[in-house]
Amino acid sequence: MSDLYRKEALAHRSRALFGEVRLQAPPATWVITALLVALVAICLAVLFLCQVQTDAGEIRLIDWLFGRQA
């Protein structure tokens, strides 16, 4: 059965079985991902590190947003 095909065709087909797959995103995707990660990190830092002045004194912003009083 293999004598129906040329040796080159059979060799090409067998190499295709072991070929490599490369998944590569364009650079713009990585830039957008990095910017979104930085934005989320900044938002979390603001929530946990910033203080809000209330009548009872200063409390963290996240505690003020959720209504928890220190």
Protein backbone atom coordinates (compact mmCIF):
# COMPACT_ATOMS: atom_id res chain seq x y z
CA MET A 1 0.00 0.00 0.00
CA SER A 2 2.82 2.43 0.80
CA ASP A 3 4.27 1.97 -2.69
CA LEU A 4 1.30 3.99 -4.02
CA TYR A 5 2.88 7.18 -2.63
CA ARG A 6 6.27 8.72 -3.21
CA LYS A 7 8.80 8.51 -0.38
CA GLU A 8 8.81 12.31 -0.11
CA ALA A 9 5.04 12.43 0.40
CA LEU A 10 5.20 9.77 3.11
CA ALA A 11 8.09 11.56 4.85
CA HIS A 12 6.21 14.87 4.79
CA ARG A 13 3.12 13.25 6.28
CA SER A 14 5.04 11.57 9.08
CA ARG A 15 6.80 14.86 9.97
CA ALA A 16 3.43 16.58 10.22
CA LEU A 17 2.44 14.20 12.99
CA PHE A 18 5.30 15.48 15.13
CA GLY A 19 5.16 19.14 14.13
CA GLU A 20 5.25 21.98 16.59
CA VAL A 21 2.39 24.26 17.48
CA ARG A 22 3.19 27.82 18.41
CA LEU A 23 0.57 29.95 20.07
CA GLN A 24 1.66 33.53 19.96
CA ALA A 25 -0.46 36.55 20.68
CA PRO A 26 0.26 39.89 19.06
CA PRO A 27 2.19 42.39 21.19
CA ALA A 28 -0.87 44.61 21.58
CA THR A 29 -2.58 41.84 23.55
CA TRP A 30 0.30 41.69 26.03
CA VAL A 31 0.29 45.47 26.42
CA ILE A 32 -3.46 45.54 27.11
CA THR A 33 -3.10 42.67 29.59
CA ALA A 34 -0.28 44.45 31.42
CA LEU A 35 -2.28 47.67 31.60
CA LEU A 36 -5.33 45.87 32.97
CA VAL A 37 -3.26 44.07 35.60
CA ALA A 38 -1.68 47.38 36.63
CA LEU A 39 -5.11 49.05 36.82
CA VAL A 40 -6.50 46.29 39.03
CA ALA A 41 -3.43 46.46 41.27
CA ILE A 42 -3.82 50.24 41.65
CA CYS A 43 -7.53 49.89 42.47
CA LEU A 44 -6.82 47.26 45.12
CA ALA A 45 -4.04 49.38 46.62
CA VAL A 46 -6.37 52.38 46.82
CA LEU A 47 -9.09 50.30 48.47
CA PHE A 48 -6.83 48.86 51.14
CA LEU A 49 -4.35 51.68 51.72
CA CYS A 50 -6.34 54.92 51.47
CA GLN A 51 -8.01 56.40 54.51
CA VAL A 52 -11.35 58.23 54.62
CA GLN A 53 -12.04 60.95 57.15
CA THR A 54 -15.38 60.46 58.96
CA ASP A 55 -16.95 61.96 62.04
CA ALA A 56 -15.64 59.03 64.06
CA GLY A 57 -12.11 59.42 62.68
CA GLU A 58 -10.15 57.90 59.84
CA ILE A 59 -10.99 54.45 58.51
CA ARG A 60 -9.85 52.48 55.49
CA LEU A 61 -11.74 53.13 52.27
CA ILE A 62 -12.88 49.51 51.92
CA ASP A 63 -14.26 49.52 55.47
CA TRP A 64 -16.12 52.75 54.74
CA LEU A 65 -17.57 51.33 51.51
CA PHE A 66 -18.86 48.22 53.27
CA GLY A 67 -20.16 50.18 56.25
CA ARG A 68 -17.83 48.66 58.79
CA GLN A 69 -16.77 51.04 61.52
CA ALA A 70 -13.49 50.52 63.33
